[in-house]
All heavy atoms as atom14 arrays in JSON, in Angstrom:
{
  "sequence": "PLDLDLDDSERWLSVWPQGSRDGYQDMVQFAETCTDAVLAGKLDVALN",
  "atom14_mask": [
    [1, 1, 1, 1, 1, 1, 1, 0, 0, 0, 0, 0, 0, 0],
    [1, 1, 1, 1, 1, 1, 1, 1, 0, 0, 0, 0, 0, 0],
    [1, 1, 1, 1, 1, 1, 1, 1, 0, 0, 0, 0, 0, 0],
    [1, 1, 1, 1, 1, 1, 1, 1, 0, 0, 0, 0, 0, 0],
    [1, 1, 1, 1, 1, 1, 1, 1, 0, 0, 0, 0, 0, 0],
    [1, 1, 1, 1, 1, 1, 1, 1, 0, 0, 0, 0, 0, 0],
    [1, 1, 1, 1, 1, 1, 1, 1, 0, 0, 0, 0, 0, 0],
    [1, 1, 1, 1, 1, 1, 1, 1, 0, 0, 0, 0, 0, 0],
    [1, 1, 1, 1, 1, 1, 0, 0, 0, 0, 0, 0, 0, 0],
    [1, 1, 1, 1, 1, 1, 1, 1, 1, 0, 0, 0, 0, 0],
    [1, 1, 1, 1, 1, 1, 1, 1, 1, 1, 1, 0, 0, 0],
    [1, 1, 1, 1, 1, 1, 1, 1, 1, 1, 1, 1, 1, 1],
    [1, 1, 1, 1, 1, 1, 1, 1, 0, 0, 0, 0, 0, 0],
    [1, 1, 1, 1, 1, 1, 0, 0, 0, 0, 0, 0, 0, 0],
    [1, 1, 1, 1, 1, 1, 1, 0, 0, 0, 0, 0, 0, 0],
    [1, 1, 1, 1, 1, 1, 1, 1, 1, 1, 1, 1, 1, 1],
    [1, 1, 1, 1, 1, 1, 1, 0, 0, 0, 0, 0, 0, 0],
    [1, 1, 1, 1, 1, 1, 1, 1, 1, 0, 0, 0, 0, 0],
    [1, 1, 1, 1, 0, 0, 0, 0, 0, 0, 0, 0, 0, 0],
    [1, 1, 1, 1, 1, 1, 0, 0, 0, 0, 0, 0, 0, 0],
    [1, 1, 1, 1, 1, 1, 1, 1, 1, 1, 1, 0, 0, 0],
    [1, 1, 1, 1, 1, 1, 1, 1, 0, 0, 0, 0, 0, 0],
    [1, 1, 1, 1, 0, 0, 0, 0, 0, 0, 0, 0, 0, 0],
    [1, 1, 1, 1, 1, 1, 1, 1, 1, 1, 1, 1, 0, 0],
    [1, 1, 1, 1, 1, 1, 1, 1, 1, 0, 0, 0, 0, 0],
    [1, 1, 1, 1, 1, 1, 1, 1, 0, 0, 0, 0, 0, 0],
    [1, 1, 1, 1, 1, 1, 1, 1, 0, 0, 0, 0, 0, 0],
    [1, 1, 1, 1, 1, 1, 1, 0, 0, 0, 0, 0, 0, 0],
    [1, 1, 1, 1, 1, 1, 1, 1, 1, 0, 0, 0, 0, 0],
    [1, 1, 1, 1, 1, 1, 1, 1, 1, 1, 1, 0, 0, 0],
    [1, 1, 1, 1, 1, 0, 0, 0, 0, 0, 0, 0, 0, 0],
    [1, 1, 1, 1, 1, 1, 1, 1, 1, 0, 0, 0, 0, 0],
    [1, 1, 1, 1, 1, 1, 1, 0, 0, 0, 0, 0, 0, 0],
    [1, 1, 1, 1, 1, 1, 0, 0, 0, 0, 0, 0, 0, 0],
    [1, 1, 1, 1, 1, 1, 1, 0, 0, 0, 0, 0, 0, 0],
    [1, 1, 1, 1, 1, 1, 1, 1, 0, 0, 0, 0, 0, 0],
    [1, 1, 1, 1, 1, 0, 0, 0, 0, 0, 0, 0, 0, 0],
    [1, 1, 1, 1, 1, 1, 1, 0, 0, 0, 0, 0, 0, 0],
    [1, 1, 1, 1, 1, 1, 1, 1, 0, 0, 0, 0, 0, 0],
    [1, 1, 1, 1, 1, 0, 0, 0, 0, 0, 0, 0, 0, 0],
    [1, 1, 1, 1, 0, 0, 0, 0, 0, 0, 0, 0, 0, 0],
    [1, 1, 1, 1, 1, 1, 1, 1, 1, 0, 0, 0, 0, 0],
    [1, 1, 1, 1, 1, 1, 1, 1, 0, 0, 0, 0, 0, 0],
    [1, 1, 1, 1, 1, 1, 1, 1, 0, 0, 0, 0, 0, 0],
    [1, 1, 1, 1, 1, 1, 1, 0, 0, 0, 0, 0, 0, 0],
    [1, 1, 1, 1, 1, 0, 0, 0, 0, 0, 0, 0, 0, 0],
    [1, 1, 1, 1, 1, 1, 1, 1, 0, 0, 0, 0, 0, 0],
    [1, 1, 1, 1, 1, 1, 1, 1, 0, 0, 0, 0, 0, 0]
  ],
  "atom14_positions": [
    [[106.26, 140.23, 124.35], [107.07, 139.07, 124.01], [106.97, 137.97, 125.06], [106.79, 138.25, 126.25], [108.5, 139.63, 123.93], [108.47, 140.87, 124.75], [107.09, 141.42, 124.59], [0.0, 0.0, 0.0], [0.0, 0.0, 0.0], [0.0, 0.0, 0.0], [0.0, 0.0, 0.0], [0.0, 0.0, 0.0], [0.0, 0.0, 0.0], [0.0, 0.0, 0.0]],
    [[107.07, 136.73, 124.61], [107.01, 135.6, 125.53], [108.28, 135.53, 126.36], [109.38, 135.81, 125.88], [106.85, 134.31, 124.73], [105.57, 134.21, 123.89], [105.64, 132.97, 123.01], [104.35, 134.14, 124.8], [0.0, 0.0, 0.0], [0.0, 0.0, 0.0], [0.0, 0.0, 0.0], [0.0, 0.0, 0.0], [0.0, 0.0, 0.0], [0.0, 0.0, 0.0]],
    [[108.12, 135.17, 127.6], [109.27, 135.06, 128.5], [109.81, 133.64, 128.4], [109.45, 132.76, 129.2], [108.83, 135.38, 129.94], [110.01, 135.36, 130.9], [111.16, 135.41, 130.42], [109.77, 135.27, 132.12], [0.0, 0.0, 0.0], [0.0, 0.0, 0.0], [0.0, 0.0, 0.0], [0.0, 0.0, 0.0], [0.0, 0.0, 0.0], [0.0, 0.0, 0.0]],
    [[110.64, 133.39, 127.4], [111.17, 132.06, 127.15], [112.67, 132.05, 127.36], [113.37, 132.9, 126.81], [110.85, 131.61, 125.73], [109.38, 131.63, 125.3], [109.26, 131.21, 123.85], [108.55, 130.7, 126.19], [0.0, 0.0, 0.0], [0.0, 0.0, 0.0], [0.0, 0.0, 0.0], [0.0, 0.0, 0.0], [0.0, 0.0, 0.0], [0.0, 0.0, 0.0]],
    [[113.15, 131.07, 128.13], [114.59, 130.92, 128.33], [115.13, 130.02, 127.23], [115.26, 128.8, 127.4], [114.87, 130.32, 129.71], [116.36, 130.17, 129.96], [117.16, 130.68, 129.15], [116.73, 129.52, 130.96], [0.0, 0.0, 0.0], [0.0, 0.0, 0.0], [0.0, 0.0, 0.0], [0.0, 0.0, 0.0], [0.0, 0.0, 0.0], [0.0, 0.0, 0.0]],
    [[115.42, 130.61, 126.08], [115.81, 129.84, 124.91], [117.22, 129.26, 125.02], [117.63, 128.47, 124.17], [115.71, 130.71, 123.66], [114.29, 131.23, 123.37], [114.33, 132.2, 122.19], [113.33, 130.08, 123.1], [0.0, 0.0, 0.0], [0.0, 0.0, 0.0], [0.0, 0.0, 0.0], [0.0, 0.0, 0.0], [0.0, 0.0, 0.0], [0.0, 0.0, 0.0]],
    [[117.94, 129.62, 126.07], [119.27, 129.06, 126.29], [119.2, 127.73, 127.05], [120.23, 127.07, 127.22], [120.14, 130.04, 127.09], [120.47, 131.29, 126.29], [120.63, 131.15, 125.05], [120.56, 132.37, 126.88], [0.0, 0.0, 0.0], [0.0, 0.0, 0.0], [0.0, 0.0, 0.0], [0.0, 0.0, 0.0], [0.0, 0.0, 0.0], [0.0, 0.0, 0.0]],
    [[118.0, 127.34, 127.47], [117.81, 126.09, 128.19], [117.78, 124.94, 127.19], [116.75, 124.64, 126.58], [116.5, 126.14, 128.99], [116.27, 124.89, 129.82], [117.09, 123.96, 129.74], [115.25, 124.84, 130.54], [0.0, 0.0, 0.0], [0.0, 0.0, 0.0], [0.0, 0.0, 0.0], [0.0, 0.0, 0.0], [0.0, 0.0, 0.0], [0.0, 0.0, 0.0]],
    [[118.92, 124.26, 127.01], [119.03, 123.21, 125.99], [118.22, 121.97, 126.33], [117.98, 121.12, 125.46], [120.5, 122.82, 125.8], [121.05, 122.33, 127.01], [0.0, 0.0, 0.0], [0.0, 0.0, 0.0], [0.0, 0.0, 0.0], [0.0, 0.0, 0.0], [0.0, 0.0, 0.0], [0.0, 0.0, 0.0], [0.0, 0.0, 0.0], [0.0, 0.0, 0.0]],
    [[117.81, 121.84, 127.59], [116.97, 120.7, 127.96], [115.51, 120.95, 127.62], [114.68, 120.03, 127.66], [117.11, 120.4, 129.46], [118.51, 119.93, 129.83], [118.6, 119.53, 131.3], [117.57, 119.61, 132.0], [119.7, 119.12, 131.72], [0.0, 0.0, 0.0], [0.0, 0.0, 0.0], [0.0, 0.0, 0.0], [0.0, 0.0, 0.0], [0.0, 0.0, 0.0]],
    [[115.18, 122.2, 127.3], [113.81, 122.57, 126.96], [113.64, 122.91, 125.49], [112.6, 122.62, 124.9], [113.39, 123.77, 127.83], [112.03, 124.38, 127.47], [110.88, 123.51, 127.89], [109.61, 124.04, 127.43], [108.88, 124.96, 128.08], [109.32, 125.46, 129.23], [107.73, 125.36, 127.6], [0.0, 0.0, 0.0], [0.0, 0.0, 0.0], [0.0, 0.0, 0.0]],
    [[114.67, 123.52, 124.89], [114.52, 124.06, 123.55], [115.57, 123.5, 122.59], [116.73, 123.36, 122.94], [114.62, 125.58, 123.56], [113.6, 126.23, 124.42], [113.77, 126.71, 125.69], [112.22, 126.45, 124.09], [112.59, 127.22, 126.17], [111.62, 127.07, 125.21], [111.45, 126.18, 122.97], [110.28, 127.43, 125.22], [110.11, 126.54, 122.98], [109.54, 127.16, 124.1]],
    [[115.13, 123.23, 121.37], [116.02, 122.8, 120.3], [115.85, 123.79, 119.15], [114.76, 123.95, 118.62], [115.67, 121.38, 119.84], [116.51, 120.8, 118.7], [117.96, 120.64, 119.13], [115.94, 119.45, 118.26], [0.0, 0.0, 0.0], [0.0, 0.0, 0.0], [0.0, 0.0, 0.0], [0.0, 0.0, 0.0], [0.0, 0.0, 0.0], [0.0, 0.0, 0.0]],
    [[116.92, 124.46, 118.79], [116.82, 125.45, 117.71], [116.66, 124.75, 116.36], [117.26, 123.7, 116.11], [118.06, 126.35, 117.69], [119.23, 125.59, 117.51], [0.0, 0.0, 0.0], [0.0, 0.0, 0.0], [0.0, 0.0, 0.0], [0.0, 0.0, 0.0], [0.0, 0.0, 0.0], [0.0, 0.0, 0.0], [0.0, 0.0, 0.0], [0.0, 0.0, 0.0]],
    [[115.84, 125.34, 115.53], [115.56, 124.79, 114.2], [115.94, 125.86, 113.18], [115.24, 126.87, 113.04], [114.07, 124.43, 114.04], [113.84, 123.76, 112.68], [113.6, 123.52, 115.17], [0.0, 0.0, 0.0], [0.0, 0.0, 0.0], [0.0, 0.0, 0.0], [0.0, 0.0, 0.0], [0.0, 0.0, 0.0], [0.0, 0.0, 0.0], [0.0, 0.0, 0.0]],
    [[117.03, 125.62, 112.48], [117.49, 126.59, 111.5], [117.26, 126.06, 110.09], [117.61, 124.93, 109.78], [118.97, 126.91, 111.72], [119.22, 127.49, 113.06], [119.9, 126.92, 114.09], [118.73, 128.76, 113.56], [119.87, 127.74, 115.19], [119.17, 128.87, 114.9], [117.98, 129.77, 112.99], [118.87, 129.98, 115.68], [117.68, 130.88, 113.78], [118.13, 130.98, 115.09]],
    [[116.66, 126.85, 109.24], [116.3, 126.4, 107.89], [117.5, 125.98, 107.05], [118.58, 126.56, 107.15], [115.61, 127.62, 107.28], [115.19, 128.45, 108.44], [116.24, 128.23, 109.5], [0.0, 0.0, 0.0], [0.0, 0.0, 0.0], [0.0, 0.0, 0.0], [0.0, 0.0, 0.0], [0.0, 0.0, 0.0], [0.0, 0.0, 0.0], [0.0, 0.0, 0.0]],
    [[117.27, 124.97, 106.24], [118.31, 124.46, 105.36], [118.17, 125.01, 103.94], [119.02, 124.76, 103.09], [118.23, 122.93, 105.31], [118.12, 122.27, 106.68], [119.33, 122.49, 107.54], [120.45, 122.22, 107.08], [119.15, 122.96, 108.76], [0.0, 0.0, 0.0], [0.0, 0.0, 0.0], [0.0, 0.0, 0.0], [0.0, 0.0, 0.0], [0.0, 0.0, 0.0]],
    [[117.09, 125.72, 103.66], [116.87, 126.25, 102.33], [116.08, 125.3, 101.44], [115.6, 124.26, 101.87], [0.0, 0.0, 0.0], [0.0, 0.0, 0.0], [0.0, 0.0, 0.0], [0.0, 0.0, 0.0], [0.0, 0.0, 0.0], [0.0, 0.0, 0.0], [0.0, 0.0, 0.0], [0.0, 0.0, 0.0], [0.0, 0.0, 0.0], [0.0, 0.0, 0.0]],
    [[115.95, 125.66, 100.18], [115.06, 124.94, 99.27], [115.77, 123.94, 98.36], [115.15, 123.38, 97.46], [114.32, 125.96, 98.39], [115.25, 126.74, 97.63], [0.0, 0.0, 0.0], [0.0, 0.0, 0.0], [0.0, 0.0, 0.0], [0.0, 0.0, 0.0], [0.0, 0.0, 0.0], [0.0, 0.0, 0.0], [0.0, 0.0, 0.0], [0.0, 0.0, 0.0]],
    [[117.05, 123.72, 98.57], [117.8, 122.83, 97.66], [117.2, 121.43, 97.62], [117.02, 120.84, 96.54], [119.27, 122.76, 98.07], [120.1, 121.82, 97.2], [121.56, 121.84, 97.6], [122.13, 123.16, 97.43], [123.39, 123.47, 97.75], [124.19, 122.53, 98.24], [123.85, 124.69, 97.57], [0.0, 0.0, 0.0], [0.0, 0.0, 0.0], [0.0, 0.0, 0.0]],
    [[116.88, 120.86, 98.79], [116.32, 119.52, 98.82], [114.97, 119.47, 98.12], [114.66, 118.51, 97.41], [116.16, 119.03, 100.26], [117.49, 118.66, 100.91], [118.43, 118.3, 100.16], [117.6, 118.74, 102.14], [0.0, 0.0, 0.0], [0.0, 0.0, 0.0], [0.0, 0.0, 0.0], [0.0, 0.0, 0.0], [0.0, 0.0, 0.0], [0.0, 0.0, 0.0]],
    [[114.16, 120.5, 98.33], [112.87, 120.56, 97.67], [113.01, 120.62, 96.15], [112.22, 120.01, 95.42], [0.0, 0.0, 0.0], [0.0, 0.0, 0.0], [0.0, 0.0, 0.0], [0.0, 0.0, 0.0], [0.0, 0.0, 0.0], [0.0, 0.0, 0.0], [0.0, 0.0, 0.0], [0.0, 0.0, 0.0], [0.0, 0.0, 0.0], [0.0, 0.0, 0.0]],
    [[114.0, 121.34, 95.68], [114.25, 121.42, 94.24], [114.66, 120.05, 93.7], [114.18, 119.61, 92.65], [115.33, 122.46, 93.94], [115.65, 122.56, 92.47], [114.84, 123.32, 91.62], [116.75, 121.89, 91.92], [115.12, 123.4, 90.26], [117.03, 121.97, 90.57], [116.21, 122.72, 89.74], [116.48, 122.79, 88.4], [0.0, 0.0, 0.0], [0.0, 0.0, 0.0]],
    [[115.53, 119.37, 94.43], [115.96, 118.03, 93.99], [114.79, 117.06, 93.97], [114.75, 116.15, 93.13], [117.08, 117.51, 94.9], [118.41, 118.22, 94.7], [118.89, 118.15, 93.27], [118.84, 117.09, 92.63], [119.36, 119.28, 92.74], [0.0, 0.0, 0.0], [0.0, 0.0, 0.0], [0.0, 0.0, 0.0], [0.0, 0.0, 0.0], [0.0, 0.0, 0.0]],
    [[113.84, 117.24, 94.87], [112.64, 116.39, 94.83], [111.92, 116.56, 93.5], [111.45, 115.59, 92.9], [111.69, 116.77, 95.98], [112.2, 116.36, 97.34], [113.15, 115.56, 97.41], [111.64, 116.86, 98.34], [0.0, 0.0, 0.0], [0.0, 0.0, 0.0], [0.0, 0.0, 0.0], [0.0, 0.0, 0.0], [0.0, 0.0, 0.0], [0.0, 0.0, 0.0]],
    [[111.79, 117.8, 93.05], [111.11, 118.05, 91.78], [111.88, 117.41, 90.63], [111.28, 116.83, 89.71], [110.95, 119.56, 91.56], [110.04, 120.24, 92.56], [109.63, 121.96, 92.13], [111.24, 122.74, 92.18], [0.0, 0.0, 0.0], [0.0, 0.0, 0.0], [0.0, 0.0, 0.0], [0.0, 0.0, 0.0], [0.0, 0.0, 0.0], [0.0, 0.0, 0.0]],
    [[113.19, 117.53, 90.65], [114.01, 116.93, 89.61], [113.82, 115.42, 89.56], [113.61, 114.82, 88.49], [115.51, 117.26, 89.82], [116.39, 116.46, 88.86], [115.74, 118.76, 89.65], [0.0, 0.0, 0.0], [0.0, 0.0, 0.0], [0.0, 0.0, 0.0], [0.0, 0.0, 0.0], [0.0, 0.0, 0.0], [0.0, 0.0, 0.0], [0.0, 0.0, 0.0]],
    [[113.87, 114.79, 90.73], [113.72, 113.34, 90.79], [112.33, 112.9, 90.36], [112.18, 111.88, 89.67], [114.02, 112.85, 92.2], [115.48, 112.98, 92.58], [115.76, 112.52, 94.0], [115.07, 111.67, 94.54], [116.77, 113.1, 94.61], [0.0, 0.0, 0.0], [0.0, 0.0, 0.0], [0.0, 0.0, 0.0], [0.0, 0.0, 0.0], [0.0, 0.0, 0.0]],
    [[111.32, 113.66, 90.75], [109.96, 113.31, 90.35], [109.82, 113.41, 88.83], [109.22, 112.54, 88.19], [108.95, 114.22, 91.03], [107.52, 113.9, 90.68], [106.86, 112.86, 91.29], [106.85, 114.65, 89.72], [105.54, 112.55, 90.97], [105.53, 114.36, 89.37], [104.87, 113.3, 90.0], [0.0, 0.0, 0.0], [0.0, 0.0, 0.0], [0.0, 0.0, 0.0]],
    [[110.36, 114.48, 88.25], [110.28, 114.66, 86.8], [110.94, 113.49, 86.06], [110.47, 113.06, 85.0], [110.93, 115.98, 86.39], [0.0, 0.0, 0.0], [0.0, 0.0, 0.0], [0.0, 0.0, 0.0], [0.0, 0.0, 0.0], [0.0, 0.0, 0.0], [0.0, 0.0, 0.0], [0.0, 0.0, 0.0], [0.0, 0.0, 0.0], [0.0, 0.0, 0.0]],
    [[112.0, 112.96, 86.63], [112.72, 111.85, 86.0], [111.91, 110.56, 86.01], [112.2, 109.63, 85.25], [114.07, 111.63, 86.7], [115.07, 112.76, 86.45], [116.32, 112.62, 87.29], [116.32, 111.76, 88.22], [117.29, 113.34, 87.02], [0.0, 0.0, 0.0], [0.0, 0.0, 0.0], [0.0, 0.0, 0.0], [0.0, 0.0, 0.0], [0.0, 0.0, 0.0]],
    [[110.9, 110.48, 86.89], [110.08, 109.27, 86.95], [108.89, 109.32, 86.0], [108.2, 108.31, 85.84], [109.54, 109.04, 88.39], [108.58, 110.07, 88.71], [110.67, 109.05, 89.4], [0.0, 0.0, 0.0], [0.0, 0.0, 0.0], [0.0, 0.0, 0.0], [0.0, 0.0, 0.0], [0.0, 0.0, 0.0], [0.0, 0.0, 0.0], [0.0, 0.0, 0.0]],
    [[108.64, 110.47, 85.4], [107.46, 110.63, 84.55], [107.59, 109.78, 83.28], [108.59, 109.87, 82.57], [107.27, 112.1, 84.16], [106.68, 113.12, 85.51], [0.0, 0.0, 0.0], [0.0, 0.0, 0.0], [0.0, 0.0, 0.0], [0.0, 0.0, 0.0], [0.0, 0.0, 0.0], [0.0, 0.0, 0.0], [0.0, 0.0, 0.0], [0.0, 0.0, 0.0]],
    [[106.57, 108.99, 83.01], [106.57, 108.17, 81.81], [105.91, 108.88, 80.63], [106.05, 108.45, 79.49], [105.83, 106.85, 82.08], [104.49, 107.13, 82.54], [106.56, 106.03, 83.14], [0.0, 0.0, 0.0], [0.0, 0.0, 0.0], [0.0, 0.0, 0.0], [0.0, 0.0, 0.0], [0.0, 0.0, 0.0], [0.0, 0.0, 0.0], [0.0, 0.0, 0.0]],
    [[105.19, 109.97, 80.92], [104.57, 110.77, 79.87], [105.64, 111.72, 79.33], [106.08, 112.65, 80.02], [103.4, 111.56, 80.46], [102.65, 112.39, 79.42], [103.3, 112.91, 78.5], [101.43, 112.55, 79.57], [0.0, 0.0, 0.0], [0.0, 0.0, 0.0], [0.0, 0.0, 0.0], [0.0, 0.0, 0.0], [0.0, 0.0, 0.0], [0.0, 0.0, 0.0]],
    [[106.07, 111.48, 78.09], [107.17, 112.25, 77.52], [106.84, 113.74, 77.4], [107.71, 114.6, 77.6], [107.54, 111.7, 76.14], [0.0, 0.0, 0.0], [0.0, 0.0, 0.0], [0.0, 0.0, 0.0], [0.0, 0.0, 0.0], [0.0, 0.0, 0.0], [0.0, 0.0, 0.0], [0.0, 0.0, 0.0], [0.0, 0.0, 0.0], [0.0, 0.0, 0.0]],
    [[105.58, 114.05, 77.11], [105.18, 115.45, 76.98], [105.28, 116.15, 78.33], [105.85, 117.25, 78.45], [103.75, 115.57, 76.42], [103.29, 117.03, 76.43], [103.69, 115.01, 75.01], [0.0, 0.0, 0.0], [0.0, 0.0, 0.0], [0.0, 0.0, 0.0], [0.0, 0.0, 0.0], [0.0, 0.0, 0.0], [0.0, 0.0, 0.0], [0.0, 0.0, 0.0]],
    [[104.74, 115.51, 79.36], [104.81, 116.09, 80.7], [106.26, 116.21, 81.17], [106.65, 117.23, 81.74], [104.01, 115.24, 81.69], [104.11, 115.64, 83.16], [103.66, 117.09, 83.37], [103.29, 114.69, 84.04], [0.0, 0.0, 0.0], [0.0, 0.0, 0.0], [0.0, 0.0, 0.0], [0.0, 0.0, 0.0], [0.0, 0.0, 0.0], [0.0, 0.0, 0.0]],
    [[107.03, 115.18, 80.94], [108.44, 115.21, 81.35], [109.15, 116.4, 80.71], [109.97, 117.08, 81.36], [109.13, 113.9, 80.99], [0.0, 0.0, 0.0], [0.0, 0.0, 0.0], [0.0, 0.0, 0.0], [0.0, 0.0, 0.0], [0.0, 0.0, 0.0], [0.0, 0.0, 0.0], [0.0, 0.0, 0.0], [0.0, 0.0, 0.0], [0.0, 0.0, 0.0]],
    [[108.85, 116.65, 79.44], [109.48, 117.79, 78.77], [109.06, 119.11, 79.36], [109.89, 120.02, 79.53], [0.0, 0.0, 0.0], [0.0, 0.0, 0.0], [0.0, 0.0, 0.0], [0.0, 0.0, 0.0], [0.0, 0.0, 0.0], [0.0, 0.0, 0.0], [0.0, 0.0, 0.0], [0.0, 0.0, 0.0], [0.0, 0.0, 0.0], [0.0, 0.0, 0.0]],
    [[107.78, 119.24, 79.68], [107.29, 120.48, 80.28], [107.92, 120.72, 81.65], [108.29, 121.84, 82.0], [105.77, 120.42, 80.41], [105.01, 120.49, 79.1], [103.51, 120.43, 79.34], [102.73, 120.54, 78.04], [101.26, 120.47, 78.26], [0.0, 0.0, 0.0], [0.0, 0.0, 0.0], [0.0, 0.0, 0.0], [0.0, 0.0, 0.0], [0.0, 0.0, 0.0]],
    [[108.04, 119.65, 82.43], [108.64, 119.79, 83.77], [110.11, 120.15, 83.66], [110.62, 120.94, 84.47], [108.46, 118.49, 84.56], [107.03, 118.14, 84.97], [106.99, 116.8, 85.68], [106.44, 119.23, 85.88], [0.0, 0.0, 0.0], [0.0, 0.0, 0.0], [0.0, 0.0, 0.0], [0.0, 0.0, 0.0], [0.0, 0.0, 0.0], [0.0, 0.0, 0.0]],
    [[110.79, 119.58, 82.69], [112.21, 119.89, 82.51], [112.39, 121.38, 82.2], [113.3, 122.03, 82.74], [112.77, 119.04, 81.37], [114.27, 119.23, 81.22], [115.01, 118.98, 82.18], [114.71, 119.64, 80.12], [0.0, 0.0, 0.0], [0.0, 0.0, 0.0], [0.0, 0.0, 0.0], [0.0, 0.0, 0.0], [0.0, 0.0, 0.0], [0.0, 0.0, 0.0]],
    [[111.53, 121.92, 81.37], [111.59, 123.35, 81.05], [111.27, 124.18, 82.29], [111.94, 125.19, 82.58], [110.61, 123.7, 79.91], [110.51, 125.22, 79.72], [111.04, 123.04, 78.61], [0.0, 0.0, 0.0], [0.0, 0.0, 0.0], [0.0, 0.0, 0.0], [0.0, 0.0, 0.0], [0.0, 0.0, 0.0], [0.0, 0.0, 0.0], [0.0, 0.0, 0.0]],
    [[110.25, 123.76, 83.04], [109.81, 124.49, 84.23], [110.9, 124.58, 85.29], [110.98, 125.55, 86.05], [108.57, 123.84, 84.82], [0.0, 0.0, 0.0], [0.0, 0.0, 0.0], [0.0, 0.0, 0.0], [0.0, 0.0, 0.0], [0.0, 0.0, 0.0], [0.0, 0.0, 0.0], [0.0, 0.0, 0.0], [0.0, 0.0, 0.0], [0.0, 0.0, 0.0]],
    [[111.77, 123.58, 85.33], [112.78, 123.5, 86.37], [114.01, 124.37, 86.11], [114.89, 124.46, 86.96], [113.22, 122.04, 86.57], [112.18, 121.14, 87.24], [112.59, 119.69, 87.15], [111.99, 121.56, 88.69], [0.0, 0.0, 0.0], [0.0, 0.0, 0.0], [0.0, 0.0, 0.0], [0.0, 0.0, 0.0], [0.0, 0.0, 0.0], [0.0, 0.0, 0.0]],
    [[114.05, 125.02, 84.98], [115.21, 125.85, 84.63], [114.97, 127.31, 84.99], [113.99, 127.92, 84.53], [115.52, 125.72, 83.14], [116.14, 124.39, 82.79], [117.28, 124.12, 83.14], [115.39, 123.54, 82.12], [0.0, 0.0, 0.0], [0.0, 0.0, 0.0], [0.0, 0.0, 0.0], [0.0, 0.0, 0.0], [0.0, 0.0, 0.0], [0.0, 0.0, 0.0]]
  ]
}
């Protein structure tokens, strides 16, 4: 294991995942911009 002093706040910034909610909303918003009605319908089904 690496000898890292992870408690050193001047050296390290913890990165904790936020999950996939934002990524899912990106898909929803992109689907809403689709002008192709057939594609928009397929994406709407895919997102459920």
